[in-house]
Amino acid sequence: MEQAASWRRNSKVITIVKSLQNFYTLNSKYLLALHSCSESFGVAIKDTKNPEAILKSEVFNIGRSLSNKLISCVEKILPRRFWKQILRIGIANGPGSFTSTRLTISMARTIAQQINCPLDSMSCFHLMAPRLYKHLNQNQIWNPFWIKDDLPRRGIVAGKYQLFKIHKESDFHEFRELISPHLISSKKEINPSINASNNIKKDIISLINFSQHCHNLQVNSHWEKTLPIYPTSPIDNKNKNL
């Protein structure tokens, strides 16, 4: 009995090792997703030949060290020698830290330009929508709603969203971004509204599913059109409330 149990355990180890040996192949074509709109950095990859399986994803809690660790974090998930096999990149383009968002978008634009691949972008509020809309009343879930973030001494950053379609086969919830995140006056009424809440582990999966959706539809997302969302100016925010 003990030998049989040991054999089963060893067999499992052998299976895992073989799986890891086939984790990266020269025939694979990858989707890459990057999310750096908070102090955590999310990276995920998916093989388009096996679109139902997330090959690998990880959240790096690196705080303000992104400028020094950006490339090494991406290489941990997808080694550089396989970057030429990237078919499409998805990126969260804000709102978030001025520096981290700019750095990640610059890297994504550079890779997309060099290997001539599409670059999809989505705001981090848009990525939150599939999680947060569930806080609405049942009779409101197909109606427009706001996601907002209160900024100390600066006002409110908010965007408006609406559930459009649920793709059950891929567990992808398609939302329209009716109004992109921007700075508004604290006096403006926005209802119904939900407070923004980061969950990079889940949102990086939503992002790569969005890129998969764009890939399936053959959407042409050119890297030049991808720009960061900066609702607040690092210099002066006066007279910017709408």
C-alpha atoms as a PDB file:
ATOM      1  CA  MET A   1       0.000   0.000   0.000  1.00  0.00           C
ATOM      2  CA  GLU A   2       2.763   2.416   0.967  1.00  0.00           C
ATOM      3  CA  GLN A   3       4.697   1.665  -2.230  1.00  0.00           C
ATOM      4  CA  ALA A   4       1.535   2.183  -4.314  1.00  0.00           C
ATOM      5  CA  ALA A   5       0.885   5.556  -2.663  1.00  0.00           C
ATOM      6  CA  SER A   6       4.510   6.541  -3.257  1.00  0.00           C
ATOM      7  CA  TRP A   7       4.227   5.545  -6.919  1.00  0.00           C
ATOM      8  CA  ARG A   8       1.081   7.670  -7.308  1.00  0.00           C
ATOM      9  CA  ARG A   9       2.823  10.656  -5.761  1.00  0.00           C
ATOM     10  CA  ASN A  10       5.865  10.205  -8.009  1.00  0.00           C
ATOM     11  CA  SER A  11       3.631   9.820 -11.047  1.00  0.00           C
ATOM     12  CA  LYS A  12       2.001  13.127 -10.234  1.00  0.00           C
ATOM     13  CA  VAL A  13       5.397  14.801  -9.968  1.00  0.00           C
ATOM     14  CA  ILE A  14       6.461  13.330 -13.331  1.00  0.00           C
ATOM     15  CA  THR A  15       3.219  14.587 -14.927  1.00  0.00           C
ATOM     16  CA  ILE A  16       3.763  18.108 -13.568  1.00  0.00           C
ATOM     17  CA  VAL A  17       7.377  18.166 -14.742  1.00  0.00           C
ATOM     18  CA  LYS A  18       6.358  17.074 -18.240  1.00  0.00           C
ATOM     19  CA  SER A  19       3.664  19.751 -18.249  1.00  0.00           C
ATOM     20  CA  LEU A  20       6.169  22.435 -17.299  1.00  0.00           C
ATOM     21  CA  GLN A  21       8.597  21.217 -19.959  1.00  0.00           C
ATOM     22  CA  ASN A  22       5.874  21.900 -22.531  1.00  0.00           C
ATOM     23  CA  PHE A  23       4.869  25.196 -20.934  1.00  0.00           C
ATOM     24  CA  TYR A  24       6.783  27.236 -23.517  1.00  0.00           C
ATOM     25  CA  THR A  25       7.128  25.946 -27.066  1.00  0.00           C
ATOM     26  CA  LEU A  26       8.437  27.414 -30.301  1.00  0.00           C
ATOM     27  CA  ASN A  27       5.023  26.773 -31.869  1.00  0.00           C
ATOM     28  CA  SER A  28       3.037  28.682 -29.247  1.00  0.00           C
ATOM     29  CA  LYS A  29       1.452  32.055 -30.045  1.00  0.00           C
ATOM     30  CA  TYR A  30       0.877  34.132 -26.948  1.00  0.00           C
ATOM     31  CA  LEU A  31      -1.433  36.800 -25.684  1.00  0.00           C
ATOM     32  CA  LEU A  32       0.239  39.013 -23.080  1.00  0.00           C
ATOM     33  CA  ALA A  33      -1.618  41.200 -20.553  1.00  0.00           C
ATOM     34  CA  LEU A  34      -0.074  43.902 -18.335  1.00  0.00           C
ATOM     35  CA  HIS A  35      -1.775  45.821 -15.504  1.00  0.00           C
ATOM     36  CA  SER A  36       0.118  48.427 -13.467  1.00  0.00           C
ATOM     37  CA  CYS A  37      -2.606  50.866 -12.379  1.00  0.00           C
ATOM     38  CA  SER A  38      -2.004  50.222  -8.680  1.00  0.00           C
ATOM     39  CA  GLU A  39       1.037  49.455  -6.532  1.00  0.00           C
ATOM     40  CA  SER A  40       0.757  45.836  -7.698  1.00  0.00           C
ATOM     41  CA  PHE A  41       1.834  44.750 -11.178  1.00  0.00           C
ATOM     42  CA  GLY A  42      -0.169  42.023 -12.890  1.00  0.00           C
ATOM     43  CA  VAL A  43       1.103  39.923 -15.798  1.00  0.00           C
ATOM     44  CA  ALA A  44      -0.696  37.108 -17.624  1.00  0.00           C
ATOM     45  CA  ILE A  45      -0.124  35.051 -20.768  1.00  0.00           C
ATOM     46  CA  LYS A  46      -2.375  32.758 -22.755  1.00  0.00           C
ATOM     47  CA  ASP A  47      -1.651  30.459 -25.689  1.00  0.00           C
ATOM     48  CA  THR A  48      -4.083  31.147 -28.541  1.00  0.00           C
ATOM     49  CA  LYS A  49      -3.921  27.466 -29.465  1.00  0.00           C
ATOM     50  CA  ASN A  50      -5.417  26.685 -26.070  1.00  0.00           C
ATOM     51  CA  PRO A  51      -7.632  29.752 -25.458  1.00  0.00           C
ATOM     52  CA  GLU A  52      -9.581  28.252 -22.553  1.00  0.00           C
ATOM     53  CA  ALA A  53      -6.500  27.878 -20.340  1.00  0.00           C
ATOM     54  CA  ILE A  54      -4.568  30.648 -18.687  1.00  0.00           C
ATOM     55  CA  LEU A  55      -1.001  29.480 -19.070  1.00  0.00           C
ATOM     56  CA  LYS A  56       0.378  31.669 -16.342  1.00  0.00           C
ATOM     57  CA  SER A  57      -0.491  34.782 -14.356  1.00  0.00           C
ATOM     58  CA  GLU A  58       1.049  36.492 -11.380  1.00  0.00           C
ATOM     59  CA  VAL A  59       0.692  39.659  -9.336  1.00  0.00           C
ATOM     60  CA  PHE A  60       3.907  41.302  -8.171  1.00  0.00           C
ATOM     61  CA  ASN A  61       3.568  43.494  -5.086  1.00  0.00           C
ATOM     62  CA  ILE A  62       6.509  45.732  -5.910  1.00  0.00           C
ATOM     63  CA  GLY A  63       5.160  49.134  -4.869  1.00  0.00           C
ATOM     64  CA  ARG A  64       7.168  51.926  -6.454  1.00  0.00           C
ATOM     65  CA  SER A  65       9.948  49.668  -7.737  1.00  0.00           C
ATOM     66  CA  LEU A  66       8.311  49.060 -11.114  1.00  0.00           C
ATOM     67  CA  SER A  67      10.883  51.102 -13.027  1.00  0.00           C
ATOM     68  CA  ASN A  68      13.614  48.715 -11.860  1.00  0.00           C
ATOM     69  CA  LYS A  69      11.631  45.468 -12.035  1.00  0.00           C
ATOM     70  CA  LEU A  70       9.258  45.863 -14.980  1.00  0.00           C
ATOM     71  CA  ILE A  71      11.174  43.775 -17.512  1.00  0.00           C
ATOM     72  CA  SER A  72      12.247  41.112 -14.992  1.00  0.00           C
ATOM     73  CA  CYS A  73       8.626  40.619 -13.866  1.00  0.00           C
ATOM     74  CA  VAL A  74       7.432  40.134 -17.445  1.00  0.00           C
ATOM     75  CA  GLU A  75      10.335  37.766 -18.155  1.00  0.00           C
ATOM     76  CA  LYS A  76       9.363  35.656 -15.149  1.00  0.00           C
ATOM     77  CA  ILE A  77       6.025  34.979 -16.819  1.00  0.00           C
ATOM     78  CA  LEU A  78       7.212  34.984 -20.440  1.00  0.00           C
ATOM     79  CA  PRO A  79      10.976  34.681 -21.058  1.00  0.00           C
ATOM     80  CA  ARG A  80      12.323  37.225 -23.534  1.00  0.00           C
ATOM     81  CA  ARG A  81      13.262  34.612 -26.128  1.00  0.00           C
ATOM     82  CA  PHE A  82       9.521  33.986 -26.667  1.00  0.00           C
ATOM     83  CA  TRP A  83       8.478  37.633 -27.067  1.00  0.00           C
ATOM     84  CA  LYS A  84       8.580  37.346 -30.858  1.00  0.00           C
ATOM     85  CA  GLN A  85       5.772  34.804 -30.514  1.00  0.00           C
ATOM     86  CA  ILE A  86       3.407  37.342 -28.947  1.00  0.00           C
ATOM     87  CA  LEU A  87       0.349  37.755 -31.168  1.00  0.00           C
ATOM     88  CA  ARG A  88      -1.366  40.467 -29.148  1.00  0.00           C
ATOM     89  CA  ILE A  89      -0.836  42.595 -26.035  1.00  0.00           C
ATOM     90  CA  GLY A  90      -3.518  43.892 -23.695  1.00  0.00           C
ATOM     91  CA  ILE A  91      -2.830  46.725 -21.274  1.00  0.00           C
ATOM     92  CA  ALA A  92      -4.668  48.613 -18.551  1.00  0.00           C
ATOM     93  CA  ASN A  93      -4.138  52.245 -19.469  1.00  0.00           C
ATOM     94  CA  GLY A  94      -5.319  53.963 -16.273  1.00  0.00           C
ATOM     95  CA  PRO A  95      -6.318  55.766 -14.253  1.00  0.00           C
ATOM     96  CA  GLY A  96      -3.445  54.957 -11.948  1.00  0.00           C
ATOM     97  CA  SER A  97       0.008  56.014 -10.920  1.00  0.00           C
ATOM     98  CA  PHE A  98       1.424  58.542 -13.393  1.00  0.00           C
ATOM     99  CA  THR A  99       4.824  56.831 -13.471  1.00  0.00           C
ATOM    100  CA  SER A 100       3.852  53.150 -13.475  1.00  0.00           C
ATOM    101  CA  THR A 101       1.122  53.555 -16.095  1.00  0.00           C
ATOM    102  CA  ARG A 102       3.462  55.513 -18.375  1.00  0.00           C
ATOM    103  CA  LEU A 103       6.288  52.966 -17.990  1.00  0.00           C
ATOM    104  CA  THR A 104       4.144  49.938 -18.758  1.00  0.00           C
ATOM    105  CA  ILE A 105       2.426  51.524 -21.729  1.00  0.00           C
ATOM    106  CA  SER A 106       5.790  52.630 -23.116  1.00  0.00           C
ATOM    107  CA  MET A 107       7.080  49.080 -22.858  1.00  0.00           C
ATOM    108  CA  ALA A 108       3.936  47.603 -24.423  1.00  0.00           C
ATOM    109  CA  ARG A 109       4.004  50.120 -27.289  1.00  0.00           C
ATOM    110  CA  THR A 110       7.678  49.373 -27.945  1.00  0.00           C
ATOM    111  CA  ILE A 111       7.145  45.603 -28.087  1.00  0.00           C
ATOM    112  CA  ALA A 112       4.036  45.987 -30.263  1.00  0.00           C
ATOM    113  CA  GLN A 113       5.917  48.257 -32.669  1.00  0.00           C
ATOM    114  CA  GLN A 114       8.982  46.003 -32.863  1.00  0.00           C
ATOM    115  CA  ILE A 115       7.093  42.761 -33.514  1.00  0.00           C
ATOM    116  CA  ASN A 116       4.149  44.407 -35.309  1.00  0.00           C
ATOM    117  CA  CYS A 117       1.368  43.079 -33.111  1.00  0.00           C
ATOM    118  CA  PRO A 118      -1.933  44.692 -32.015  1.00  0.00           C
ATOM    119  CA  LEU A 119      -2.080  46.495 -28.673  1.00  0.00           C
ATOM    120  CA  ASP A 120      -5.455  46.486 -26.911  1.00  0.00           C
ATOM    121  CA  SER A 121      -6.112  48.942 -24.093  1.00  0.00           C
ATOM    122  CA  MET A 122      -8.826  49.139 -21.462  1.00  0.00           C
ATOM    123  CA  SER A 123      -9.214  51.383 -18.435  1.00  0.00           C
ATOM    124  CA  CYS A 124      -8.835  49.738 -15.052  1.00  0.00           C
ATOM    125  CA  PHE A 125     -12.394  50.893 -14.180  1.00  0.00           C
ATOM    126  CA  HIS A 126     -13.647  49.087 -17.288  1.00  0.00           C
ATOM    127  CA  LEU A 127     -11.833  45.965 -16.082  1.00  0.00           C
ATOM    128  CA  MET A 128     -13.468  46.290 -12.649  1.00  0.00           C
ATOM    129  CA  ALA A 129     -16.971  46.462 -14.147  1.00  0.00           C
ATOM    130  CA  PRO A 130     -17.522  42.652 -14.424  1.00  0.00           C
ATOM    131  CA  ARG A 131     -16.791  42.346 -10.702  1.00  0.00           C
ATOM    132  CA  LEU A 132     -18.504  45.452  -9.398  1.00  0.00           C
ATOM    133  CA  TYR A 133     -21.783  45.416 -11.332  1.00  0.00           C
ATOM    134  CA  LYS A 134     -22.876  42.511  -9.127  1.00  0.00           C
ATOM    135  CA  HIS A 135     -23.298  45.037  -6.284  1.00  0.00           C
ATOM    136  CA  LEU A 136     -26.211  46.609  -8.163  1.00  0.00           C
ATOM    137  CA  ASN A 137     -29.810  45.645  -7.509  1.00  0.00           C
ATOM    138  CA  GLN A 138     -30.978  42.803  -9.724  1.00  0.00           C
ATOM    139  CA  ASN A 139     -33.293  45.121 -11.687  1.00  0.00           C
ATOM    140  CA  GLN A 140     -30.382  47.498 -12.403  1.00  0.00           C
ATOM    141  CA  ILE A 141     -27.676  45.178 -13.731  1.00  0.00           C
ATOM    142  CA  TRP A 142     -28.397  45.950 -17.417  1.00  0.00           C
ATOM    143  CA  ASN A 143     -28.638  49.690 -16.777  1.00  0.00           C
ATOM    144  CA  PRO A 144     -25.756  52.212 -16.912  1.00  0.00           C
ATOM    145  CA  PHE A 145     -23.824  52.775 -13.685  1.00  0.00           C
ATOM    146  CA  TRP A 146     -20.790  54.721 -12.494  1.00  0.00           C
ATOM    147  CA  ILE A 147     -17.528  53.530 -10.983  1.00  0.00           C
ATOM    148  CA  LYS A 148     -15.875  56.218  -8.895  1.00  0.00           C
ATOM    149  CA  ASP A 149     -12.757  56.820  -6.878  1.00  0.00           C
ATOM    150  CA  ASP A 150     -12.577  59.648  -4.311  1.00  0.00           C
ATOM    151  CA  LEU A 151      -9.215  61.393  -4.415  1.00  0.00           C
ATOM    152  CA  PRO A 152      -8.139  63.374  -1.322  1.00  0.00           C
ATOM    153  CA  ARG A 153      -8.221  67.118  -2.059  1.00  0.00           C
ATOM    154  CA  ARG A 154      -8.625  66.524  -5.802  1.00  0.00           C
ATOM    155  CA  GLY A 155     -12.219  65.484  -6.362  1.00  0.00           C
ATOM    156  CA  ILE A 156     -13.724  62.334  -7.845  1.00  0.00           C
ATOM    157  CA  VAL A 157     -12.533  60.266 -10.788  1.00  0.00           C
ATOM    158  CA  ALA A 158     -15.453  58.419 -12.355  1.00  0.00           C
ATOM    159  CA  GLY A 159     -16.413  56.492 -15.485  1.00  0.00           C
ATOM    160  CA  LYS A 160     -19.774  55.223 -16.723  1.00  0.00           C
ATOM    161  CA  TYR A 161     -20.418  51.609 -17.798  1.00  0.00           C
ATOM    162  CA  GLN A 162     -23.144  49.280 -19.003  1.00  0.00           C
ATOM    163  CA  LEU A 163     -23.331  45.507 -19.321  1.00  0.00           C
ATOM    164  CA  PHE A 164     -23.685  44.678 -23.004  1.00  0.00           C
ATOM    165  CA  LYS A 165     -23.299  40.923 -23.384  1.00  0.00           C
ATOM    166  CA  ILE A 166     -22.217  37.854 -21.437  1.00  0.00           C
ATOM    167  CA  HIS A 167     -20.160  35.358 -23.436  1.00  0.00           C
ATOM    168  CA  LYS A 168     -20.824  32.199 -21.427  1.00  0.00           C
ATOM    169  CA  GLU A 169     -18.488  30.013 -23.473  1.00  0.00           C
ATOM    170  CA  SER A 170     -15.475  32.132 -22.480  1.00  0.00           C
ATOM    171  CA  ASP A 171     -16.790  33.655 -19.229  1.00  0.00           C
ATOM    172  CA  PHE A 172     -16.212  37.089 -20.740  1.00  0.00           C
ATOM    173  CA  HIS A 173     -18.552  39.895 -19.664  1.00  0.00           C
ATOM    174  CA  GLU A 174     -18.679  42.571 -22.316  1.00  0.00           C
ATOM    175  CA  PHE A 175     -19.260  46.091 -21.005  1.00  0.00           C
ATOM    176  CA  ARG A 176     -19.530  49.379 -22.841  1.00  0.00           C
ATOM    177  CA  GLU A 177     -17.506  52.255 -21.459  1.00  0.00           C
ATOM    178  CA  LEU A 178     -20.058  55.018 -21.997  1.00  0.00           C
ATOM    179  CA  ILE A 179     -17.861  57.685 -20.393  1.00  0.00           C
ATOM    180  CA  SER A 180     -14.160  57.072 -19.759  1.00  0.00           C
ATOM    181  CA  PRO A 181     -12.711  57.866 -16.307  1.00  0.00           C
ATOM    182  CA  HIS A 182     -12.288  61.595 -15.777  1.00  0.00           C
ATOM    183  CA  LEU A 183     -12.192  64.118 -12.964  1.00  0.00           C
ATOM    184  CA  ILE A 184     -15.601  65.440 -11.906  1.00  0.00           C
ATOM    185  CA  SER A 185     -16.834  67.826  -9.269  1.00  0.00           C
ATOM    186  CA  SER A 186     -17.740  66.342  -5.888  1.00  0.00           C
ATOM    187  CA  LYS A 187     -21.003  68.286  -6.228  1.00  0.00           C
ATOM    188  CA  LYS A 188     -22.088  66.356  -9.302  1.00  0.00           C
ATOM    189  CA  GLU A 189     -24.602  63.582  -8.627  1.00  0.00           C
ATOM    190  CA  ILE A 190     -23.746  60.249 -10.233  1.00  0.00           C
ATOM    191  CA  ASN A 191     -26.211  57.429  -9.579  1.00  0.00           C
ATOM    192  CA  PRO A 192     -26.082  54.550  -9.266  1.00  0.00           C
ATOM    193  CA  SER A 193     -22.392  54.515  -8.413  1.00  0.00           C
ATOM    194  CA  ILE A 194     -19.971  51.920  -7.033  1.00  0.00           C
ATOM    195  CA  ASN A 195     -16.646  52.629  -5.384  1.00  0.00           C
ATOM    196  CA  ALA A 196     -13.617  51.500  -7.382  1.00  0.00           C
ATOM    197  CA  SER A 197     -11.862  48.481  -5.917  1.00  0.00           C
ATOM    198  CA  ASN A 198      -8.621  46.986  -7.230  1.00  0.00           C
ATOM    199  CA  ASN A 199      -8.280  43.229  -7.556  1.00  0.00           C
ATOM    200  CA  ILE A 200      -5.364  42.822  -9.937  1.00  0.00           C
ATOM    201  CA  LYS A 201      -5.459  39.024  -9.711  1.00  0.00           C
ATOM    202  CA  LYS A 202      -8.960  38.949 -11.206  1.00  0.00           C
ATOM    203  CA  ASP A 203      -8.680  42.012 -13.412  1.00  0.00           C
ATOM    204  CA  ILE A 204      -5.568  40.760 -15.220  1.00  0.00           C
ATOM    205  CA  ILE A 205      -7.647  37.710 -16.234  1.00  0.00           C
ATOM    206  CA  SER A 206     -10.436  39.988 -17.483  1.00  0.00           C
ATOM    207  CA  LEU A 207      -7.834  41.897 -19.484  1.00  0.00           C
ATOM    208  CA  ILE A 208      -6.415  38.841 -21.220  1.00  0.00           C
ATOM    209  CA  ASN A 209      -9.954  37.593 -21.920  1.00  0.00           C
ATOM    210  CA  PHE A 210     -10.623  40.978 -23.553  1.00  0.00           C
ATOM    211  CA  SER A 211      -7.555  40.514 -25.765  1.00  0.00           C
ATOM    212  CA  GLN A 212      -8.736  36.997 -26.610  1.00  0.00           C
ATOM    213  CA  HIS A 213     -12.107  38.473 -27.614  1.00  0.00           C
ATOM    214  CA  CYS A 214     -10.367  41.080 -29.816  1.00  0.00           C
ATOM    215  CA  HIS A 215      -8.169  38.367 -31.315  1.00  0.00           C
ATOM    216  CA  ASN A 216     -11.199  36.225 -32.172  1.00  0.00           C
ATOM    217  CA  LEU A 217     -12.853  39.198 -33.891  1.00  0.00           C
ATOM    218  CA  GLN A 218      -9.565  40.187 -35.584  1.00  0.00           C
ATOM    219  CA  VAL A 219      -9.802  43.715 -34.180  1.00  0.00           C
ATOM    220  CA  ASN A 220      -7.029  45.955 -35.508  1.00  0.00           C
ATOM    221  CA  SER A 221      -5.711  47.777 -32.424  1.00  0.00           C
ATOM    222  CA  HIS A 222      -2.692  49.843 -33.436  1.00  0.00           C
ATOM    223  CA  TRP A 223      -0.105  50.638 -30.785  1.00  0.00           C
ATOM    224  CA  GLU A 224      -0.048  54.349 -31.714  1.00  0.00           C
ATOM    225  CA  LYS A 225      -3.629  54.750 -30.478  1.00  0.00           C
ATOM    226  CA  THR A 226      -2.828  53.462 -26.986  1.00  0.00           C
ATOM    227  CA  LEU A 227      -2.289  56.309 -24.563  1.00  0.00           C
ATOM    228  CA  PRO A 228      -2.446  56.527 -20.758  1.00  0.00           C
ATOM    229  CA  ILE A 229      -5.470  57.990 -18.985  1.00  0.00           C
ATOM    230  CA  TYR A 230      -4.439  60.834 -16.689  1.00  0.00           C
ATOM    231  CA  PRO A 231      -7.621  62.277 -15.108  1.00  0.00           C
ATOM    232  CA  THR A 232      -5.517  64.445 -12.799  1.00  0.00           C
ATOM    233  CA  SER A 233      -2.543  66.549 -13.811  1.00  0.00           C
ATOM    234  CA  PRO A 234       0.706  66.075 -11.872  1.00  0.00           C
ATOM    235  CA  ILE A 235       1.134  69.865 -12.079  1.00  0.00           C
ATOM    236  CA  ASP A 236      -2.209  71.610 -11.595  1.00  0.00           C
ATOM    237  CA  ASN A 237      -5.759  70.310 -11.345  1.00  0.00           C
ATOM    238  CA  LYS A 238      -7.567  73.619 -11.008  1.00  0.00           C
ATOM    239  CA  ASN A 239     -10.555  74.167 -13.279  1.00  0.00           C
ATOM    240  CA  LYS A 240     -10.457  70.556 -14.481  1.00  0.00           C
ATOM    241  CA  ASN A 241     -13.633  69.394 -12.676  1.00  0.00           C
ATOM    242  CA  LEU A 242     -16.442  68.748 -15.128  1.00  0.00           C
END
